[in-house]
N, C-alpha and C. Protein backbone atom coordinates (compact mmCIF):
# COMPACT_ATOMS: atom_id res chain seq x y z
N MET A 1 79.32 135.84 157.34
CA MET A 1 79.81 135.24 155.85
C MET A 1 80.19 134.18 155.33
N ALA A 2 79.38 132.83 154.97
CA ALA A 2 79.79 132.04 154.67
C ALA A 2 80.75 131.60 153.38
N SER A 3 81.66 130.68 153.77
CA SER A 3 82.79 130.96 152.28
C SER A 3 83.03 129.46 152.30
N PHE A 4 82.96 129.21 151.34
CA PHE A 4 83.02 127.78 150.16
C PHE A 4 83.88 127.80 149.64
N PRO A 5 84.98 127.11 149.92
CA PRO A 5 86.16 126.36 149.06
C PRO A 5 86.12 126.47 147.63
N PHE A 6 86.45 126.81 146.62
CA PHE A 6 86.41 126.25 145.02
C PHE A 6 86.68 124.63 144.99
N ALA A 7 85.85 124.13 144.15
CA ALA A 7 86.79 122.24 143.80
C ALA A 7 86.08 122.33 142.56
N ARG A 8 86.87 122.04 141.40
CA ARG A 8 86.40 121.80 140.25
C ARG A 8 85.40 119.56 140.82
N PRO A 9 83.96 120.51 139.50
CA PRO A 9 83.88 118.40 139.82
C PRO A 9 84.60 117.72 139.35
N GLU A 10 84.62 116.95 139.57
CA GLU A 10 84.30 115.16 139.28
C GLU A 10 83.72 114.57 137.76
N PRO A 11 84.74 114.35 136.34
CA PRO A 11 83.59 114.05 135.43
C PRO A 11 83.36 113.03 136.02
N SER A 12 81.84 112.59 135.29
CA SER A 12 81.20 111.89 135.42
C SER A 12 81.34 110.74 134.90
N ALA A 13 82.36 110.82 133.00
CA ALA A 13 82.75 109.48 132.61
C ALA A 13 83.98 109.78 132.16
N PRO A 14 84.51 108.95 131.83
CA PRO A 14 85.53 108.95 131.37
C PRO A 14 85.94 109.15 130.49
N ILE A 15 86.77 109.76 130.02
CA ILE A 15 87.09 111.21 128.31
C ILE A 15 87.27 109.90 127.33
N GLN A 16 86.73 109.66 125.58
CA GLN A 16 86.77 108.81 125.48
C GLN A 16 86.96 108.92 123.50
N SER A 17 87.77 109.13 122.76
CA SER A 17 88.10 109.01 122.01
C SER A 17 86.93 109.21 120.97
N PRO A 18 87.00 110.39 120.33
CA PRO A 18 86.55 111.76 118.96
C PRO A 18 85.86 110.18 118.91
N VAL A 19 84.50 111.26 118.03
CA VAL A 19 83.63 109.96 117.22
C VAL A 19 84.07 110.60 115.65
N ILE A 20 84.65 111.74 115.27
CA ILE A 20 84.99 112.89 113.96
C ILE A 20 86.49 113.58 114.67
N GLU A 21 86.97 112.56 113.98
CA GLU A 21 88.35 113.32 114.00
C GLU A 21 88.62 113.95 112.26
N VAL A 22 88.68 115.04 112.05
CA VAL A 22 89.68 115.57 110.61
C VAL A 22 91.18 116.10 110.58
N THR A 23 91.98 115.78 109.63
CA THR A 23 93.34 116.39 110.50
C THR A 23 93.75 116.68 108.41
N ASP A 24 94.34 118.57 108.92
CA ASP A 24 94.73 118.67 107.63
C ASP A 24 93.94 119.02 107.14
N LEU A 25 92.43 119.96 107.26
CA LEU A 25 91.44 119.40 106.18
C LEU A 25 91.30 121.16 105.72
N THR A 26 91.31 120.87 103.93
CA THR A 26 91.57 122.16 102.82
C THR A 26 89.68 122.37 102.82
N VAL A 27 89.00 123.15 102.51
CA VAL A 27 87.64 122.92 101.35
C VAL A 27 87.76 124.79 100.86
N MET A 28 88.03 123.77 99.29
CA MET A 28 87.74 125.09 98.16
C MET A 28 86.58 124.96 97.61
N TYR A 29 86.01 126.76 96.74
CA TYR A 29 85.24 127.34 96.79
C TYR A 29 85.34 127.50 95.38
N GLY A 30 85.09 126.90 94.19
CA GLY A 30 85.92 127.48 92.78
C GLY A 30 87.29 126.81 92.89
N ASP A 31 88.32 128.05 93.34
CA ASP A 31 89.40 128.33 93.01
C ASP A 31 90.64 128.51 93.88
N ARG A 32 89.40 129.28 95.60
CA ARG A 32 89.52 130.25 96.34
C ARG A 32 89.05 128.92 97.60
N PRO A 33 90.55 128.81 98.27
CA PRO A 33 91.14 128.05 99.83
C PRO A 33 89.57 129.13 100.49
N VAL A 34 88.85 128.51 101.19
CA VAL A 34 87.70 128.30 102.11
C VAL A 34 88.15 128.15 103.55
N LEU A 35 88.83 127.46 103.57
CA LEU A 35 89.46 126.28 104.89
C LEU A 35 90.72 126.27 104.29
N TRP A 36 90.98 125.71 104.93
CA TRP A 36 92.86 125.66 105.37
C TRP A 36 93.43 124.93 106.62
N ASP A 37 94.36 123.71 106.70
CA ASP A 37 94.54 122.93 106.97
C ASP A 37 94.02 123.00 108.87
N VAL A 38 93.19 122.29 108.39
CA VAL A 38 91.88 122.75 110.39
C VAL A 38 92.06 121.58 110.30
N ASP A 39 92.55 121.15 112.08
CA ASP A 39 91.86 120.21 112.42
C ASP A 39 90.49 120.15 113.52
N TRP A 40 89.98 118.93 113.36
CA TRP A 40 88.60 119.15 114.06
C TRP A 40 88.42 118.05 115.11
N GLN A 41 88.32 118.19 116.49
CA GLN A 41 87.19 116.82 116.72
C GLN A 41 85.98 116.74 117.52
N VAL A 42 85.35 115.87 116.66
CA VAL A 42 84.05 115.48 117.43
C VAL A 42 83.25 114.12 119.09
N PRO A 43 83.13 114.61 120.69
CA PRO A 43 83.63 113.75 121.20
C PRO A 43 82.54 113.12 121.14
N ALA A 44 81.99 112.13 121.25
CA ALA A 44 80.57 112.10 121.04
C ALA A 44 79.22 112.60 121.88
N GLY A 45 78.26 112.23 121.84
CA GLY A 45 77.31 113.63 122.16
C GLY A 45 77.36 115.22 122.12
N VAL A 46 78.14 115.23 120.78
CA VAL A 46 78.25 116.91 120.99
C VAL A 46 77.61 116.95 119.37
N LEU A 47 77.02 117.64 118.92
CA LEU A 47 76.19 118.25 117.58
C LEU A 47 77.48 119.83 117.34
N MET A 48 78.13 119.82 117.20
CA MET A 48 79.13 120.78 116.16
C MET A 48 78.78 121.51 114.70
N ALA A 49 79.21 122.08 114.47
CA ALA A 49 78.43 122.86 112.63
C ALA A 49 79.81 124.58 112.85
N VAL A 50 79.89 124.65 111.75
CA VAL A 50 81.12 124.87 110.52
C VAL A 50 79.71 125.95 109.98
N VAL A 51 80.09 127.84 110.15
CA VAL A 51 78.85 128.82 109.96
C VAL A 51 79.85 129.55 109.74
N GLY A 52 79.33 130.20 108.00
CA GLY A 52 80.00 131.55 107.88
C GLY A 52 80.35 131.53 105.54
């Protein structure tokens, strides 16, 4: 049986700064906090959503 060593692929593009960056976000629904102290980064080309 053939054996192949594990190798990580090289990244195809350099890491870029996030297109959207949020720090310490708090969201209220009326008087009730529903999200608090959220840090969030979205890189270019990524689709992201908060559902709930």
